């Protein structure tokens, strides 16, 4: 499992600016994601992450539903409510609930999108092109930070604290990372997902 992840990381370790205009093998996209092939191509060419890994992440996160959303009440209570750092987002129409909700195909948390510079009304995060670019950019940042696919997936799903917990022997979201890697292997073998 780790070897597969680290091989994928080595293949995609190049800087995004060095990877422009690379033809991607998007024929590996599962049928439920084929309708987003153009959007995947834009995101993957911009941030250059493993297409099978990113497709697996999207399937795990949203099942391929571009309108998927998941509210995270614990995140809102701990990180959003009463925090003045979100006042600009609120002025643009983001509620605390919006900031604590994961949105779209890549299930990007509203607060994460805002911190990455996505300063648009909340409904815009459901646009597949914008959402996949945000997801690919966030995954790319986690790959760069943690240096391996497994820990990058843990951080994508549970924040950097999930990696620190994993390194201490506690793994609250290992099932998530294992599932993404299992889906990735099925995609690479051409099996249904």
N, C-alpha and C. Protein backbone atom coordinates (compact mmCIF):
# COMPACT_ATOMS: atom_id res chain seq x y z
N UNK A 1 0.83 -1.19 0.00
CA UNK A 1 0.00 0.00 0.00
C UNK A 1 0.88 1.25 0.00
N UNK A 2 1.84 1.34 0.90
CA UNK A 2 2.67 2.52 0.96
C UNK A 2 3.55 2.62 -0.28
N UNK A 3 4.06 1.48 -0.76
CA UNK A 3 4.90 1.50 -1.94
C UNK A 3 4.12 2.05 -3.12
N UNK A 4 2.90 1.57 -3.34
CA UNK A 4 2.08 2.07 -4.44
C UNK A 4 1.89 3.57 -4.30
N UNK A 5 1.57 4.02 -3.12
CA UNK A 5 1.37 5.45 -2.91
C UNK A 5 2.62 6.24 -3.16
N UNK A 6 3.76 5.75 -2.71
CA UNK A 6 5.01 6.49 -2.89
C UNK A 6 5.48 6.47 -4.33
N UNK A 7 5.19 5.39 -5.08
CA UNK A 7 5.51 5.36 -6.50
C UNK A 7 4.67 6.41 -7.22
N UNK A 8 3.39 6.47 -6.91
CA UNK A 8 2.52 7.49 -7.51
C UNK A 8 3.04 8.89 -7.18
N UNK A 9 3.46 9.09 -5.95
CA UNK A 9 3.97 10.40 -5.55
C UNK A 9 5.23 10.75 -6.34
N UNK A 10 6.13 9.80 -6.51
CA UNK A 10 7.35 10.06 -7.26
C UNK A 10 7.05 10.45 -8.70
N UNK A 11 6.07 9.80 -9.30
CA UNK A 11 5.70 10.11 -10.68
C UNK A 11 5.13 11.52 -10.82
N UNK A 12 4.52 12.02 -9.77
CA UNK A 12 3.85 13.31 -9.83
C UNK A 12 4.50 14.35 -8.93
N UNK A 13 5.78 14.17 -8.64
CA UNK A 13 6.47 15.07 -7.73
C UNK A 13 6.91 16.36 -8.42
N UNK A 14 6.88 16.38 -9.74
CA UNK A 14 7.28 17.59 -10.44
C UNK A 14 6.45 18.78 -10.00
N UNK A 15 7.04 19.95 -10.12
CA UNK A 15 6.30 21.17 -9.79
C UNK A 15 5.21 21.38 -10.83
N UNK A 16 4.04 21.89 -10.43
CA UNK A 16 2.96 22.09 -11.39
C UNK A 16 3.37 22.91 -12.61
N UNK A 17 4.21 23.94 -12.43
CA UNK A 17 4.59 24.76 -13.57
C UNK A 17 5.46 24.00 -14.57
N UNK A 18 6.11 22.91 -14.13
CA UNK A 18 6.92 22.09 -15.04
C UNK A 18 6.07 21.07 -15.77
N UNK A 19 4.83 20.89 -15.35
CA UNK A 19 4.01 19.81 -15.87
C UNK A 19 2.97 20.28 -16.88
N UNK A 20 3.00 21.51 -17.30
CA UNK A 20 2.01 22.04 -18.22
C UNK A 20 2.04 21.29 -19.56
N UNK A 21 0.88 21.23 -20.18
CA UNK A 21 0.73 20.64 -21.51
C UNK A 21 1.14 19.17 -21.57
N UNK A 22 1.02 18.47 -20.48
CA UNK A 22 1.28 17.04 -20.46
C UNK A 22 -0.03 16.33 -20.77
N UNK A 23 0.00 15.43 -21.73
CA UNK A 23 -1.22 14.68 -22.05
C UNK A 23 -1.49 13.71 -20.90
N UNK A 24 -2.67 13.79 -20.35
CA UNK A 24 -3.03 12.93 -19.23
C UNK A 24 -3.85 11.74 -19.72
N UNK A 25 -3.69 10.63 -19.06
CA UNK A 25 -4.44 9.43 -19.38
C UNK A 25 -5.78 9.48 -18.66
N UNK A 26 -6.74 10.22 -19.24
CA UNK A 26 -8.04 10.35 -18.60
C UNK A 26 -9.01 9.26 -19.05
N UNK A 27 -8.55 8.35 -19.91
CA UNK A 27 -9.42 7.24 -20.27
C UNK A 27 -9.63 6.29 -19.09
N UNK A 28 -8.87 6.50 -18.03
CA UNK A 28 -9.05 5.68 -16.83
C UNK A 28 -10.23 6.15 -15.98
N UNK A 29 -10.80 7.32 -16.29
CA UNK A 29 -11.92 7.81 -15.48
C UNK A 29 -13.07 6.82 -15.51
N UNK A 30 -13.61 6.49 -14.34
CA UNK A 30 -14.77 5.61 -14.29
C UNK A 30 -15.97 6.26 -14.98
N UNK A 31 -16.91 5.45 -15.47
CA UNK A 31 -18.06 5.98 -16.20
C UNK A 31 -18.79 7.12 -15.49
N UNK A 32 -18.96 7.03 -14.19
CA UNK A 32 -19.71 8.09 -13.50
C UNK A 32 -18.98 9.43 -13.46
N UNK A 33 -17.68 9.43 -13.79
CA UNK A 33 -16.92 10.69 -13.83
C UNK A 33 -16.61 11.16 -15.25
N UNK A 34 -16.93 10.36 -16.25
CA UNK A 34 -16.60 10.70 -17.64
C UNK A 34 -17.19 12.04 -18.05
N UNK A 35 -18.39 12.37 -17.55
CA UNK A 35 -19.01 13.63 -17.96
C UNK A 35 -18.23 14.85 -17.45
N UNK A 36 -17.30 14.63 -16.54
CA UNK A 36 -16.47 15.71 -16.01
C UNK A 36 -15.03 15.65 -16.54
N UNK A 37 -14.85 14.96 -17.67
CA UNK A 37 -13.50 14.76 -18.20
C UNK A 37 -12.79 16.09 -18.48
N UNK A 38 -13.49 17.05 -19.05
CA UNK A 38 -12.89 18.36 -19.34
C UNK A 38 -12.44 19.03 -18.04
N UNK A 39 -13.29 19.00 -17.01
CA UNK A 39 -12.96 19.62 -15.74
C UNK A 39 -11.80 18.91 -15.04
N UNK A 40 -11.78 17.57 -15.12
CA UNK A 40 -10.64 16.82 -14.56
C UNK A 40 -9.36 17.21 -15.28
N UNK A 41 -9.43 17.31 -16.60
CA UNK A 41 -8.25 17.66 -17.39
C UNK A 41 -7.71 19.03 -16.98
N UNK A 42 -8.60 20.01 -16.81
CA UNK A 42 -8.17 21.35 -16.38
C UNK A 42 -7.47 21.28 -15.02
N UNK A 43 -8.10 20.60 -14.06
CA UNK A 43 -7.55 20.54 -12.70
C UNK A 43 -6.23 19.78 -12.66
N UNK A 44 -6.18 18.65 -13.34
CA UNK A 44 -4.98 17.81 -13.28
C UNK A 44 -3.81 18.42 -14.06
N UNK A 45 -4.11 19.10 -15.15
CA UNK A 45 -3.03 19.78 -15.88
C UNK A 45 -2.50 20.96 -15.09
N UNK A 46 -3.36 21.59 -14.30
CA UNK A 46 -2.93 22.74 -13.51
C UNK A 46 -2.12 22.31 -12.28
N UNK A 47 -2.57 21.26 -11.59
CA UNK A 47 -1.92 20.87 -10.32
C UNK A 47 -1.21 19.54 -10.39
N UNK A 48 -1.33 18.84 -11.48
CA UNK A 48 -0.58 17.62 -11.77
C UNK A 48 -0.52 16.63 -10.60
N UNK A 49 -1.66 16.08 -10.30
CA UNK A 49 -1.73 14.96 -9.36
C UNK A 49 -2.11 13.72 -10.15
N UNK A 50 -1.84 12.57 -9.59
CA UNK A 50 -2.13 11.29 -10.23
C UNK A 50 -3.61 11.22 -10.59
N UNK A 51 -3.96 11.06 -11.87
CA UNK A 51 -5.38 11.03 -12.27
C UNK A 51 -6.18 9.93 -11.57
N UNK A 52 -5.60 8.74 -11.43
CA UNK A 52 -6.32 7.64 -10.77
C UNK A 52 -6.53 7.95 -9.29
N UNK A 53 -5.53 8.53 -8.65
CA UNK A 53 -5.65 8.89 -7.24
C UNK A 53 -6.73 9.95 -7.05
N UNK A 54 -6.73 10.97 -7.90
CA UNK A 54 -7.70 12.04 -7.75
C UNK A 54 -9.12 11.55 -8.06
N UNK A 55 -9.25 10.72 -9.09
CA UNK A 55 -10.57 10.15 -9.41
C UNK A 55 -11.07 9.30 -8.24
N UNK A 56 -10.19 8.52 -7.63
CA UNK A 56 -10.58 7.70 -6.48
C UNK A 56 -11.01 8.56 -5.30
N UNK A 57 -10.28 9.65 -5.08
CA UNK A 57 -10.63 10.57 -4.00
C UNK A 57 -12.03 11.16 -4.25
N UNK A 58 -12.31 11.56 -5.48
CA UNK A 58 -13.61 12.15 -5.80
C UNK A 58 -14.72 11.12 -5.59
N UNK A 59 -14.49 9.88 -6.01
CA UNK A 59 -15.51 8.84 -5.81
C UNK A 59 -15.74 8.61 -4.32
N UNK A 60 -14.67 8.55 -3.54
CA UNK A 60 -14.82 8.35 -2.10
C UNK A 60 -15.53 9.54 -1.45
N UNK A 61 -15.18 10.74 -1.86
CA UNK A 61 -15.73 11.94 -1.24
C UNK A 61 -17.19 12.18 -1.58
N UNK A 62 -17.54 12.09 -2.87
CA UNK A 62 -18.89 12.50 -3.29
C UNK A 62 -19.65 11.46 -4.08
N UNK A 63 -19.00 10.36 -4.43
CA UNK A 63 -19.63 9.38 -5.28
C UNK A 63 -19.84 9.89 -6.70
N UNK A 64 -19.22 11.01 -7.04
CA UNK A 64 -19.36 11.59 -8.36
C UNK A 64 -20.53 12.55 -8.48
N UNK A 65 -21.10 12.95 -7.34
CA UNK A 65 -22.24 13.87 -7.34
C UNK A 65 -21.73 15.31 -7.20
N UNK A 66 -21.90 16.14 -8.26
CA UNK A 66 -21.38 17.50 -8.19
C UNK A 66 -22.12 18.41 -7.21
N UNK A 67 -23.28 17.99 -6.77
CA UNK A 67 -24.06 18.81 -5.84
C UNK A 67 -23.99 18.27 -4.39
N UNK A 68 -23.11 17.32 -4.16
CA UNK A 68 -22.98 16.74 -2.82
C UNK A 68 -22.52 17.80 -1.82
N UNK A 69 -23.05 17.71 -0.62
CA UNK A 69 -22.59 18.59 0.47
C UNK A 69 -22.71 17.83 1.78
N UNK A 70 -21.82 18.15 2.70
CA UNK A 70 -21.81 17.48 4.01
C UNK A 70 -21.43 18.52 5.06
N UNK A 71 -22.35 18.78 5.95
CA UNK A 71 -22.14 19.75 7.02
C UNK A 71 -21.32 19.12 8.15
N UNK A 72 -20.37 19.88 8.68
CA UNK A 72 -19.46 19.42 9.74
C UNK A 72 -19.69 20.26 11.00
N UNK A 73 -20.69 19.91 11.82
CA UNK A 73 -21.02 20.76 12.98
C UNK A 73 -19.88 20.92 13.98
N UNK A 74 -19.09 19.88 14.19
CA UNK A 74 -17.97 19.99 15.15
C UNK A 74 -16.93 20.98 14.64
N UNK A 75 -16.70 20.98 13.32
CA UNK A 75 -15.75 21.93 12.74
C UNK A 75 -16.26 23.35 12.94
N UNK A 76 -17.56 23.56 12.69
CA UNK A 76 -18.12 24.90 12.85
C UNK A 76 -17.96 25.39 14.28
N UNK A 77 -18.30 24.56 15.24
CA UNK A 77 -18.23 24.95 16.65
C UNK A 77 -16.80 25.28 17.07
N UNK A 78 -15.84 24.50 16.59
CA UNK A 78 -14.45 24.66 17.02
C UNK A 78 -13.71 25.76 16.25
N UNK A 79 -13.98 25.88 14.94
CA UNK A 79 -13.13 26.71 14.09
C UNK A 79 -13.79 27.92 13.43
N UNK A 80 -15.11 28.01 13.48
CA UNK A 80 -15.77 29.08 12.73
C UNK A 80 -16.57 30.02 13.61
N UNK A 81 -17.46 29.49 14.41
CA UNK A 81 -18.38 30.31 15.18
C UNK A 81 -17.64 31.32 16.05
N UNK A 82 -17.99 32.60 15.88
CA UNK A 82 -17.41 33.66 16.70
C UNK A 82 -16.01 34.10 16.29
N UNK A 83 -15.46 33.53 15.25
CA UNK A 83 -14.10 33.88 14.83
C UNK A 83 -14.15 35.05 13.85
N UNK A 84 -13.46 36.12 14.17
CA UNK A 84 -13.49 37.32 13.33
C UNK A 84 -12.77 37.12 12.00
N UNK A 85 -11.90 36.12 11.90
CA UNK A 85 -11.16 35.91 10.65
C UNK A 85 -12.08 35.59 9.48
N UNK A 86 -13.33 35.23 9.76
CA UNK A 86 -14.28 34.88 8.70
C UNK A 86 -15.21 36.05 8.35
N UNK A 87 -14.98 37.24 8.90
CA UNK A 87 -15.88 38.37 8.65
C UNK A 87 -15.96 38.74 7.16
N UNK A 88 -14.86 38.69 6.43
CA UNK A 88 -14.90 39.01 5.00
C UNK A 88 -15.74 37.98 4.24
N UNK A 89 -15.61 36.73 4.62
CA UNK A 89 -16.42 35.68 3.99
C UNK A 89 -17.89 35.91 4.28
N UNK A 90 -18.19 36.26 5.51
CA UNK A 90 -19.58 36.52 5.89
C UNK A 90 -20.14 37.69 5.09
N UNK A 91 -19.32 38.71 4.86
CA UNK A 91 -19.78 39.89 4.09
C UNK A 91 -20.10 39.52 2.65
N UNK A 92 -19.48 38.46 2.14
CA UNK A 92 -19.74 38.02 0.77
C UNK A 92 -20.88 37.00 0.72
N UNK A 93 -21.49 36.72 1.85
CA UNK A 93 -22.64 35.83 1.86
C UNK A 93 -22.40 34.44 2.41
N UNK A 94 -21.19 34.17 2.89
CA UNK A 94 -20.89 32.87 3.48
C UNK A 94 -21.41 32.86 4.92
N UNK A 95 -22.22 31.89 5.26
CA UNK A 95 -22.64 31.73 6.65
C UNK A 95 -21.63 30.82 7.36
N UNK A 96 -21.70 30.79 8.66
CA UNK A 96 -20.84 29.85 9.40
C UNK A 96 -21.12 28.42 8.96
N UNK A 97 -22.38 28.13 8.68
CA UNK A 97 -22.78 26.80 8.19
C UNK A 97 -22.10 26.50 6.85
N UNK A 98 -22.07 27.48 5.94
CA UNK A 98 -21.42 27.30 4.64
C UNK A 98 -19.93 27.02 4.80
N UNK A 99 -19.28 27.76 5.69
CA UNK A 99 -17.84 27.59 5.91
C UNK A 99 -17.53 26.22 6.50
N UNK A 100 -18.49 25.63 7.21
CA UNK A 100 -18.29 24.34 7.85
C UNK A 100 -18.93 23.20 7.06
N UNK A 101 -19.16 23.42 5.77
CA UNK A 101 -19.74 22.40 4.91
C UNK A 101 -18.74 22.02 3.83
N UNK A 102 -18.66 20.72 3.54
CA UNK A 102 -17.84 20.23 2.43
C UNK A 102 -18.73 20.20 1.19
N UNK A 103 -18.20 20.68 0.08
CA UNK A 103 -19.00 20.92 -1.11
C UNK A 103 -18.48 20.20 -2.34
N UNK A 104 -19.39 19.75 -3.19
CA UNK A 104 -19.09 19.33 -4.55
C UNK A 104 -18.38 18.01 -4.72
N UNK A 105 -17.87 17.81 -5.93
CA UNK A 105 -17.22 16.55 -6.29
C UNK A 105 -16.06 16.20 -5.37
N UNK A 106 -15.22 17.18 -5.08
CA UNK A 106 -14.03 16.93 -4.25
C UNK A 106 -14.29 17.19 -2.77
N UNK A 107 -15.54 17.55 -2.41
CA UNK A 107 -15.93 17.80 -1.03
C UNK A 107 -14.95 18.74 -0.33
N UNK A 108 -14.75 19.89 -0.94
CA UNK A 108 -13.85 20.90 -0.38
C UNK A 108 -14.60 21.67 0.71
N UNK A 109 -14.02 21.73 1.88
CA UNK A 109 -14.62 22.46 3.00
C UNK A 109 -14.66 23.94 2.65
N UNK A 110 -15.77 24.59 2.94
CA UNK A 110 -15.93 26.01 2.63
C UNK A 110 -14.80 26.86 3.20
N UNK A 111 -14.43 26.61 4.44
CA UNK A 111 -13.35 27.37 5.07
C UNK A 111 -12.02 27.14 4.36
N UNK A 112 -11.78 25.92 3.91
CA UNK A 112 -10.55 25.61 3.18
C UNK A 112 -10.53 26.34 1.85
N UNK A 113 -11.66 26.32 1.15
CA UNK A 113 -11.75 27.02 -0.13
C UNK A 113 -11.48 28.51 0.06
N UNK A 114 -12.08 29.09 1.09
CA UNK A 114 -11.88 30.52 1.36
C UNK A 114 -10.41 30.81 1.64
N UNK A 115 -9.78 29.97 2.46
CA UNK A 115 -8.37 30.17 2.79
C UNK A 115 -7.46 30.02 1.57
N UNK A 116 -7.91 29.25 0.57
CA UNK A 116 -7.12 29.08 -0.65
C UNK A 116 -7.39 30.19 -1.66
N UNK A 117 -8.18 31.19 -1.27
CA UNK A 117 -8.41 32.33 -2.14
C UNK A 117 -9.68 32.27 -2.95
N UNK A 118 -10.56 31.32 -2.66
CA UNK A 118 -11.83 31.22 -3.37
C UNK A 118 -12.82 32.19 -2.73
N UNK A 119 -12.77 33.44 -3.16
CA UNK A 119 -13.57 34.50 -2.56
C UNK A 119 -14.76 34.84 -3.46
N UNK A 120 -15.61 33.86 -3.63
CA UNK A 120 -16.82 33.98 -4.44
C UNK A 120 -18.01 33.57 -3.59
N UNK A 121 -19.23 33.86 -4.03
CA UNK A 121 -20.39 33.40 -3.26
C UNK A 121 -20.37 31.88 -3.11
N UNK A 122 -20.95 31.37 -2.02
CA UNK A 122 -20.86 29.93 -1.72
C UNK A 122 -21.35 29.02 -2.84
N UNK A 123 -22.39 29.40 -3.57
CA UNK A 123 -22.93 28.54 -4.62
C UNK A 123 -21.89 28.24 -5.70
N UNK A 124 -20.91 29.12 -5.89
CA UNK A 124 -19.91 28.94 -6.94
C UNK A 124 -19.00 27.76 -6.68
N UNK A 125 -18.91 27.32 -5.44
CA UNK A 125 -18.02 26.19 -5.12
C UNK A 125 -18.56 24.88 -5.69
N UNK A 126 -19.84 24.84 -6.06
CA UNK A 126 -20.42 23.63 -6.64
C UNK A 126 -20.11 23.49 -8.12
N UNK A 127 -19.57 24.53 -8.76
CA UNK A 127 -19.19 24.43 -10.15
C UNK A 127 -18.11 23.34 -10.28
N UNK A 128 -18.34 22.30 -11.11
CA UNK A 128 -17.37 21.20 -11.18
C UNK A 128 -15.95 21.64 -11.51
N UNK A 129 -15.80 22.60 -12.43
CA UNK A 129 -14.45 23.05 -12.79
C UNK A 129 -13.75 23.69 -11.60
N UNK A 130 -14.43 24.62 -10.94
CA UNK A 130 -13.84 25.28 -9.78
C UNK A 130 -13.59 24.29 -8.65
N UNK A 131 -14.54 23.40 -8.42
CA UNK A 131 -14.43 22.46 -7.31
C UNK A 131 -13.27 21.48 -7.51
N UNK A 132 -13.14 20.95 -8.72
CA UNK A 132 -12.05 20.01 -8.97
C UNK A 132 -10.69 20.70 -8.92
N UNK A 133 -10.63 21.95 -9.37
CA UNK A 133 -9.36 22.68 -9.26
C UNK A 133 -9.00 22.91 -7.79
N UNK A 134 -10.00 23.27 -6.98
CA UNK A 134 -9.73 23.45 -5.55
C UNK A 134 -9.28 22.14 -4.92
N UNK A 135 -9.97 21.04 -5.23
CA UNK A 135 -9.61 19.74 -4.67
C UNK A 135 -8.23 19.29 -5.09
N UNK A 136 -7.89 19.46 -6.38
CA UNK A 136 -6.57 19.05 -6.87
C UNK A 136 -5.48 19.92 -6.25
N UNK A 137 -5.76 21.20 -6.12
CA UNK A 137 -4.78 22.11 -5.49
C UNK A 137 -4.55 21.74 -4.03
N UNK A 138 -5.63 21.43 -3.33
CA UNK A 138 -5.51 21.08 -1.92
C UNK A 138 -4.77 19.75 -1.76
N UNK A 139 -5.11 18.76 -2.59
CA UNK A 139 -4.40 17.48 -2.52
C UNK A 139 -2.93 17.68 -2.85
N UNK A 140 -2.65 18.46 -3.86
CA UNK A 140 -1.25 18.73 -4.23
C UNK A 140 -0.48 19.36 -3.06
N UNK A 141 -1.13 20.29 -2.36
CA UNK A 141 -0.47 20.94 -1.22
C UNK A 141 -0.19 19.93 -0.11
N UNK A 142 -1.10 18.98 0.09
CA UNK A 142 -0.90 17.96 1.12
C UNK A 142 0.18 16.97 0.71
N UNK A 143 0.25 16.64 -0.58
CA UNK A 143 1.33 15.77 -1.06
C UNK A 143 2.69 16.45 -0.85
N UNK A 144 2.76 17.74 -1.15
CA UNK A 144 4.01 18.48 -0.97
C UNK A 144 4.38 18.58 0.51
N UNK A 145 3.40 18.80 1.35
CA UNK A 145 3.68 18.98 2.78
C UNK A 145 4.11 17.68 3.45
N UNK A 146 3.40 16.59 3.18
CA UNK A 146 3.64 15.35 3.93
C UNK A 146 4.57 14.38 3.23
N UNK A 147 4.77 14.51 1.92
CA UNK A 147 5.76 13.71 1.22
C UNK A 147 5.35 12.29 0.90
N UNK A 148 4.15 11.88 1.24
CA UNK A 148 3.68 10.56 0.84
C UNK A 148 2.16 10.57 0.67
N UNK A 149 1.69 9.70 -0.17
CA UNK A 149 0.28 9.68 -0.55
C UNK A 149 -0.62 9.37 0.64
N UNK A 150 -0.23 8.40 1.45
CA UNK A 150 -1.10 7.98 2.56
C UNK A 150 -1.37 9.13 3.53
N UNK A 151 -0.33 9.79 3.97
CA UNK A 151 -0.50 10.90 4.91
C UNK A 151 -1.18 12.10 4.23
N UNK A 152 -0.93 12.30 2.94
CA UNK A 152 -1.63 13.37 2.23
C UNK A 152 -3.13 13.12 2.22
N UNK A 153 -3.54 11.86 2.04
CA UNK A 153 -4.96 11.53 2.08
C UNK A 153 -5.54 11.73 3.48
N UNK A 154 -4.79 11.34 4.49
CA UNK A 154 -5.26 11.57 5.86
C UNK A 154 -5.49 13.06 6.10
N UNK A 155 -4.54 13.89 5.65
CA UNK A 155 -4.66 15.33 5.85
C UNK A 155 -5.79 15.92 5.01
N UNK A 156 -5.99 15.43 3.79
CA UNK A 156 -7.07 15.92 2.95
C UNK A 156 -8.41 15.70 3.65
N UNK A 157 -8.56 14.55 4.25
CA UNK A 157 -9.83 14.19 4.87
C UNK A 157 -10.00 14.76 6.27
N UNK A 158 -8.93 14.79 7.05
CA UNK A 158 -9.08 15.15 8.46
C UNK A 158 -8.22 16.30 8.92
N UNK A 159 -7.57 16.98 8.00
CA UNK A 159 -6.68 18.07 8.39
C UNK A 159 -5.33 17.55 8.83
N UNK A 160 -4.40 18.47 9.02
CA UNK A 160 -3.04 18.08 9.41
C UNK A 160 -3.00 17.36 10.75
N UNK A 161 -3.94 17.66 11.63
CA UNK A 161 -4.00 16.97 12.92
C UNK A 161 -4.18 15.47 12.78
N UNK A 162 -4.83 15.03 11.70
CA UNK A 162 -5.01 13.60 11.47
C UNK A 162 -3.67 12.92 11.21
N UNK A 163 -2.74 13.62 10.58
CA UNK A 163 -1.42 13.04 10.33
C UNK A 163 -0.63 12.96 11.62
N UNK A 164 -0.69 14.01 12.43
CA UNK A 164 0.01 13.98 13.72
C UNK A 164 -0.52 12.83 14.59
N UNK A 165 -1.83 12.65 14.59
CA UNK A 165 -2.42 11.55 15.36
C UNK A 165 -1.96 10.20 14.81
N UNK A 166 -1.93 10.07 13.49
CA UNK A 166 -1.49 8.83 12.84
C UNK A 166 -0.04 8.51 13.23
N UNK A 167 0.79 9.52 13.27
CA UNK A 167 2.19 9.30 13.62
C UNK A 167 2.37 8.93 15.08
N UNK A 168 1.36 9.22 15.90
CA UNK A 168 1.40 8.82 17.32
C UNK A 168 0.71 7.47 17.53
N UNK A 169 0.26 6.84 16.45
CA UNK A 169 -0.37 5.53 16.55
C UNK A 169 -1.89 5.56 16.61
N UNK A 170 -2.48 6.74 16.50
CA UNK A 170 -3.94 6.86 16.48
C UNK A 170 -4.36 7.18 15.05
N UNK A 171 -5.28 6.40 14.52
CA UNK A 171 -5.68 6.69 13.14
C UNK A 171 -7.19 6.71 13.06
N UNK A 172 -7.73 7.92 13.13
CA UNK A 172 -9.18 8.08 13.12
C UNK A 172 -9.76 8.01 11.71
N UNK A 173 -8.94 8.26 10.71
CA UNK A 173 -9.48 8.22 9.35
C UNK A 173 -8.64 7.35 8.40
N UNK A 174 -8.00 6.32 8.95
CA UNK A 174 -7.25 5.38 8.11
C UNK A 174 -8.18 4.63 7.16
N UNK A 175 -9.41 4.35 7.59
CA UNK A 175 -10.36 3.67 6.72
C UNK A 175 -10.59 4.49 5.45
N UNK A 176 -10.64 5.80 5.60
CA UNK A 176 -10.81 6.69 4.45
C UNK A 176 -9.63 6.54 3.48
N UNK A 177 -8.41 6.69 3.97
CA UNK A 177 -7.22 6.59 3.11
C UNK A 177 -7.12 5.21 2.47
N UNK A 178 -7.39 4.17 3.24
CA UNK A 178 -7.35 2.81 2.68
C UNK A 178 -8.40 2.64 1.59
N UNK A 179 -9.57 3.20 1.78
CA UNK A 179 -10.63 3.10 0.79
C UNK A 179 -10.25 3.83 -0.50
N UNK A 180 -9.70 5.03 -0.39
CA UNK A 180 -9.27 5.77 -1.58
C UNK A 180 -8.23 4.97 -2.35
N UNK A 181 -7.26 4.40 -1.65
CA UNK A 181 -6.22 3.63 -2.33
C UNK A 181 -6.78 2.36 -2.96
N UNK A 182 -7.76 1.74 -2.32
CA UNK A 182 -8.40 0.55 -2.90
C UNK A 182 -9.17 0.91 -4.17
N UNK A 183 -9.88 2.04 -4.13
CA UNK A 183 -10.60 2.51 -5.32
C UNK A 183 -9.61 2.83 -6.43
N UNK A 184 -8.49 3.45 -6.08
CA UNK A 184 -7.45 3.79 -7.06
C UNK A 184 -6.95 2.53 -7.75
N UNK A 185 -6.69 1.47 -6.99
CA UNK A 185 -6.21 0.22 -7.59
C UNK A 185 -7.26 -0.36 -8.54
N UNK A 186 -8.54 -0.30 -8.16
CA UNK A 186 -9.60 -0.81 -9.03
C UNK A 186 -9.68 0.02 -10.31
N UNK A 187 -9.55 1.32 -10.20
CA UNK A 187 -9.56 2.18 -11.39
C UNK A 187 -8.41 1.80 -12.32
N UNK A 188 -7.22 1.63 -11.75
CA UNK A 188 -6.04 1.31 -12.56
C UNK A 188 -6.17 -0.05 -13.25
N UNK A 189 -6.91 -0.97 -12.63
CA UNK A 189 -7.13 -2.29 -13.24
C UNK A 189 -8.33 -2.29 -14.19
N UNK A 190 -9.03 -1.17 -14.28
CA UNK A 190 -10.19 -1.08 -15.16
C UNK A 190 -11.43 -1.75 -14.60
N UNK A 191 -11.44 -1.99 -13.29
CA UNK A 191 -12.59 -2.63 -12.66
C UNK A 191 -13.66 -1.59 -12.33
N UNK A 192 -14.91 -2.01 -12.25
CA UNK A 192 -15.98 -1.05 -11.89
C UNK A 192 -15.79 -0.52 -10.48
N UNK A 193 -16.12 0.75 -10.32
CA UNK A 193 -16.08 1.38 -8.99
C UNK A 193 -17.38 2.09 -8.71
